[in-house]
Amino acid sequence: MTTIAGVPEVTDEDFAAEVIGSDLPVLVEFTADWCPPCRQMAPVLGAVAEEEGDRLRVVQLNVDRNPLTTNAYKVLSMPTFMLFRGGEPVKSMVGSRPKRRLLEELADVV
């Protein structure tokens, strides 16, 4: 998986603590090593994490290594972005997109 500065990886084991229990809204990228569009999103997610860090937390979850969380949220395509607020998924988006569009799509829920 592409490691992105400022974007930690979460797992089945710590998902509840890191995402569900977060005070800030959390954008989760469900990603996979074999997914080219996921790699394309790395600089976008890094930039969003840096720019919006005071209002939004950005994390990655590898679907191949974390099947419990992946299946719990019925994630079928990579990349899938899910925004969690107050422990609940409030928005889901599938596919890579430019930073401006990603921020526009998040604006109404962050």
C-alpha atoms as a PDB file:
ATOM      1  CA  MET A   1       0.000   0.000   0.000  1.00  0.00           C
ATOM      2  CA  THR A   2       1.228   3.500  -0.770  1.00  0.00           C
ATOM      3  CA  THR A   3       2.231   5.213   2.454  1.00  0.00           C
ATOM      4  CA  ILE A   4       1.063   8.818   2.495  1.00  0.00           C
ATOM      5  CA  ALA A   5       2.578  11.401   4.835  1.00  0.00           C
ATOM      6  CA  GLY A   6      -0.031  12.499   7.360  1.00  0.00           C
ATOM      7  CA  VAL A   7      -2.441   9.696   6.417  1.00  0.00           C
ATOM      8  CA  PRO A   8      -2.185   6.804   8.893  1.00  0.00           C
ATOM      9  CA  GLU A   9      -3.318   3.282   8.128  1.00  0.00           C
ATOM     10  CA  VAL A  10      -6.131   1.866  10.260  1.00  0.00           C
ATOM     11  CA  THR A  11      -6.954  -1.824  10.717  1.00  0.00           C
ATOM     12  CA  ASP A  12      -9.847  -4.044  11.744  1.00  0.00           C
ATOM     13  CA  GLU A  13      -8.360  -3.982  15.250  1.00  0.00           C
ATOM     14  CA  ASP A  14      -8.179  -0.206  15.721  1.00  0.00           C
ATOM     15  CA  PHE A  15     -10.983   0.994  13.401  1.00  0.00           C
ATOM     16  CA  ALA A  16     -13.451   1.528  16.255  1.00  0.00           C
ATOM     17  CA  ALA A  17     -10.980   3.605  18.278  1.00  0.00           C
ATOM     18  CA  GLU A  18      -9.459   5.553  15.369  1.00  0.00           C
ATOM     19  CA  VAL A  19     -12.556   6.184  13.238  1.00  0.00           C
ATOM     20  CA  ILE A  20     -15.774   5.486  15.164  1.00  0.00           C
ATOM     21  CA  GLY A  21     -14.424   7.121  18.325  1.00  0.00           C
ATOM     22  CA  SER A  22     -12.835  10.151  16.650  1.00  0.00           C
ATOM     23  CA  ASP A  23     -13.883  13.640  17.739  1.00  0.00           C
ATOM     24  CA  LEU A  24     -13.219  14.931  14.223  1.00  0.00           C
ATOM     25  CA  PRO A  25     -14.971  13.709  11.082  1.00  0.00           C
ATOM     26  CA  VAL A  26     -12.845  10.967   9.469  1.00  0.00           C
ATOM     27  CA  LEU A  27     -12.399  10.340   5.750  1.00  0.00           C
ATOM     28  CA  VAL A  28     -11.503   6.675   5.224  1.00  0.00           C
ATOM     29  CA  GLU A  29      -9.988   5.539   1.944  1.00  0.00           C
ATOM     30  CA  PHE A  30     -10.650   1.839   1.411  1.00  0.00           C
ATOM     31  CA  THR A  31      -7.648   0.928  -0.727  1.00  0.00           C
ATOM     32  CA  ALA A  32      -5.591  -1.989  -2.048  1.00  0.00           C
ATOM     33  CA  ASP A  33      -2.018  -2.535  -3.216  1.00  0.00           C
ATOM     34  CA  TRP A  34      -3.231  -3.740  -6.637  1.00  0.00           C
ATOM     35  CA  CYS A  35      -5.386  -0.653  -7.301  1.00  0.00           C
ATOM     36  CA  PRO A  36      -3.838   1.958  -9.683  1.00  0.00           C
ATOM     37  CA  PRO A  37      -6.535   4.616  -9.013  1.00  0.00           C
ATOM     38  CA  CYS A  38      -5.791   4.239  -5.296  1.00  0.00           C
ATOM     39  CA  ARG A  39      -2.144   5.105  -5.945  1.00  0.00           C
ATOM     40  CA  GLN A  40      -3.250   8.119  -7.999  1.00  0.00           C
ATOM     41  CA  MET A  41      -5.172   9.387  -4.964  1.00  0.00           C
ATOM     42  CA  ALA A  42      -2.099   9.386  -2.693  1.00  0.00           C
ATOM     43  CA  PRO A  43      -0.996  12.997  -3.376  1.00  0.00           C
ATOM     44  CA  VAL A  44      -4.621  14.191  -3.208  1.00  0.00           C
ATOM     45  CA  LEU A  45      -5.216  12.566   0.172  1.00  0.00           C
ATOM     46  CA  GLY A  46      -1.897  13.827   1.502  1.00  0.00           C
ATOM     47  CA  ALA A  47      -2.800  17.378   0.491  1.00  0.00           C
ATOM     48  CA  VAL A  48      -6.307  17.129   1.969  1.00  0.00           C
ATOM     49  CA  ALA A  49      -4.898  15.738   5.241  1.00  0.00           C
ATOM     50  CA  GLU A  50      -2.421  18.616   5.432  1.00  0.00           C
ATOM     51  CA  GLU A  51      -4.853  21.385   4.491  1.00  0.00           C
ATOM     52  CA  GLU A  52      -7.917  20.179   6.406  1.00  0.00           C
ATOM     53  CA  GLY A  53      -6.171  18.546   9.375  1.00  0.00           C
ATOM     54  CA  ASP A  54      -7.815  20.809  11.931  1.00  0.00           C
ATOM     55  CA  ARG A  55     -11.331  19.922  10.677  1.00  0.00           C
ATOM     56  CA  LEU A  56     -10.952  16.455   9.167  1.00  0.00           C
ATOM     57  CA  ARG A  57      -8.910  13.338   9.803  1.00  0.00           C
ATOM     58  CA  VAL A  58      -7.838  11.258   6.768  1.00  0.00           C
ATOM     59  CA  VAL A  59      -6.937   7.554   7.106  1.00  0.00           C
ATOM     60  CA  GLN A  60      -6.448   4.522   4.840  1.00  0.00           C
ATOM     61  CA  LEU A  61      -7.700   0.977   5.282  1.00  0.00           C
ATOM     62  CA  ASN A  62      -6.220  -1.866   3.209  1.00  0.00           C
ATOM     63  CA  VAL A  63      -9.162  -4.028   2.130  1.00  0.00           C
ATOM     64  CA  ASP A  64      -7.072  -7.164   1.611  1.00  0.00           C
ATOM     65  CA  ARG A  65      -5.653  -7.078   5.140  1.00  0.00           C
ATOM     66  CA  ASN A  66      -8.841  -5.898   6.872  1.00  0.00           C
ATOM     67  CA  PRO A  67     -11.792  -7.955   5.593  1.00  0.00           C
ATOM     68  CA  LEU A  68     -13.996  -7.448   8.674  1.00  0.00           C
ATOM     69  CA  THR A  69     -14.295  -3.679   8.299  1.00  0.00           C
ATOM     70  CA  THR A  70     -14.439  -3.908   4.496  1.00  0.00           C
ATOM     71  CA  ASN A  71     -17.349  -6.365   4.650  1.00  0.00           C
ATOM     72  CA  ALA A  72     -19.106  -4.523   7.489  1.00  0.00           C
ATOM     73  CA  TYR A  73     -19.443  -1.437   5.270  1.00  0.00           C
ATOM     74  CA  LYS A  74     -20.106  -3.465   2.090  1.00  0.00           C
ATOM     75  CA  VAL A  75     -17.153  -1.966   0.223  1.00  0.00           C
ATOM     76  CA  LEU A  76     -16.899  -3.572  -3.226  1.00  0.00           C
ATOM     77  CA  SER A  77     -14.874  -1.121  -5.352  1.00  0.00           C
ATOM     78  CA  MET A  78     -11.523   0.577  -4.854  1.00  0.00           C
ATOM     79  CA  PRO A  79     -10.980   3.256  -3.983  1.00  0.00           C
ATOM     80  CA  THR A  80     -14.062   3.867  -1.871  1.00  0.00           C
ATOM     81  CA  PHE A  81     -14.082   6.949   0.321  1.00  0.00           C
ATOM     82  CA  MET A  82     -16.348   6.965   3.340  1.00  0.00           C
ATOM     83  CA  LEU A  83     -16.813   9.926   5.621  1.00  0.00           C
ATOM     84  CA  PHE A  84     -17.616   9.120   9.227  1.00  0.00           C
ATOM     85  CA  ARG A  85     -19.017  11.703  11.616  1.00  0.00           C
ATOM     86  CA  GLY A  86     -20.057  10.910  15.165  1.00  0.00           C
ATOM     87  CA  GLY A  87     -19.214   7.259  14.532  1.00  0.00           C
ATOM     88  CA  GLU A  88     -21.604   6.903  11.597  1.00  0.00           C
ATOM     89  CA  PRO A  89     -20.875   6.786   7.850  1.00  0.00           C
ATOM     90  CA  VAL A  90     -22.514   9.929   6.436  1.00  0.00           C
ATOM     91  CA  LYS A  91     -21.167   9.910   2.868  1.00  0.00           C
ATOM     92  CA  SER A  92     -19.696   7.362   0.475  1.00  0.00           C
ATOM     93  CA  MET A  93     -17.916   8.001  -2.833  1.00  0.00           C
ATOM     94  CA  VAL A  94     -16.379   5.504  -5.246  1.00  0.00           C
ATOM     95  CA  GLY A  95     -13.482   6.167  -7.612  1.00  0.00           C
ATOM     96  CA  SER A  96     -10.573   8.559  -7.832  1.00  0.00           C
ATOM     97  CA  ARG A  97     -11.225  12.257  -8.226  1.00  0.00           C
ATOM     98  CA  PRO A  98      -9.252  15.519  -8.255  1.00  0.00           C
ATOM     99  CA  LYS A  99      -8.689  17.286  -4.946  1.00  0.00           C
ATOM    100  CA  ARG A 100     -11.039  20.166  -5.754  1.00  0.00           C
ATOM    101  CA  ARG A 101     -13.912  17.799  -6.474  1.00  0.00           C
ATOM    102  CA  LEU A 102     -13.200  15.707  -3.377  1.00  0.00           C
ATOM    103  CA  LEU A 103     -13.269  18.827  -1.190  1.00  0.00           C
ATOM    104  CA  GLU A 104     -16.483  20.007  -2.872  1.00  0.00           C
ATOM    105  CA  GLU A 105     -18.129  16.658  -2.168  1.00  0.00           C
ATOM    106  CA  LEU A 106     -17.044  16.813   1.470  1.00  0.00           C
ATOM    107  CA  ALA A 107     -18.006  20.464   2.010  1.00  0.00           C
ATOM    108  CA  ASP A 108     -21.624  19.767   2.940  1.00  0.00           C
ATOM    109  CA  VAL A 109     -20.738  17.217   5.619  1.00  0.00           C
ATOM    110  CA  VAL A 110     -17.492  18.509   7.161  1.00  0.00           C
END
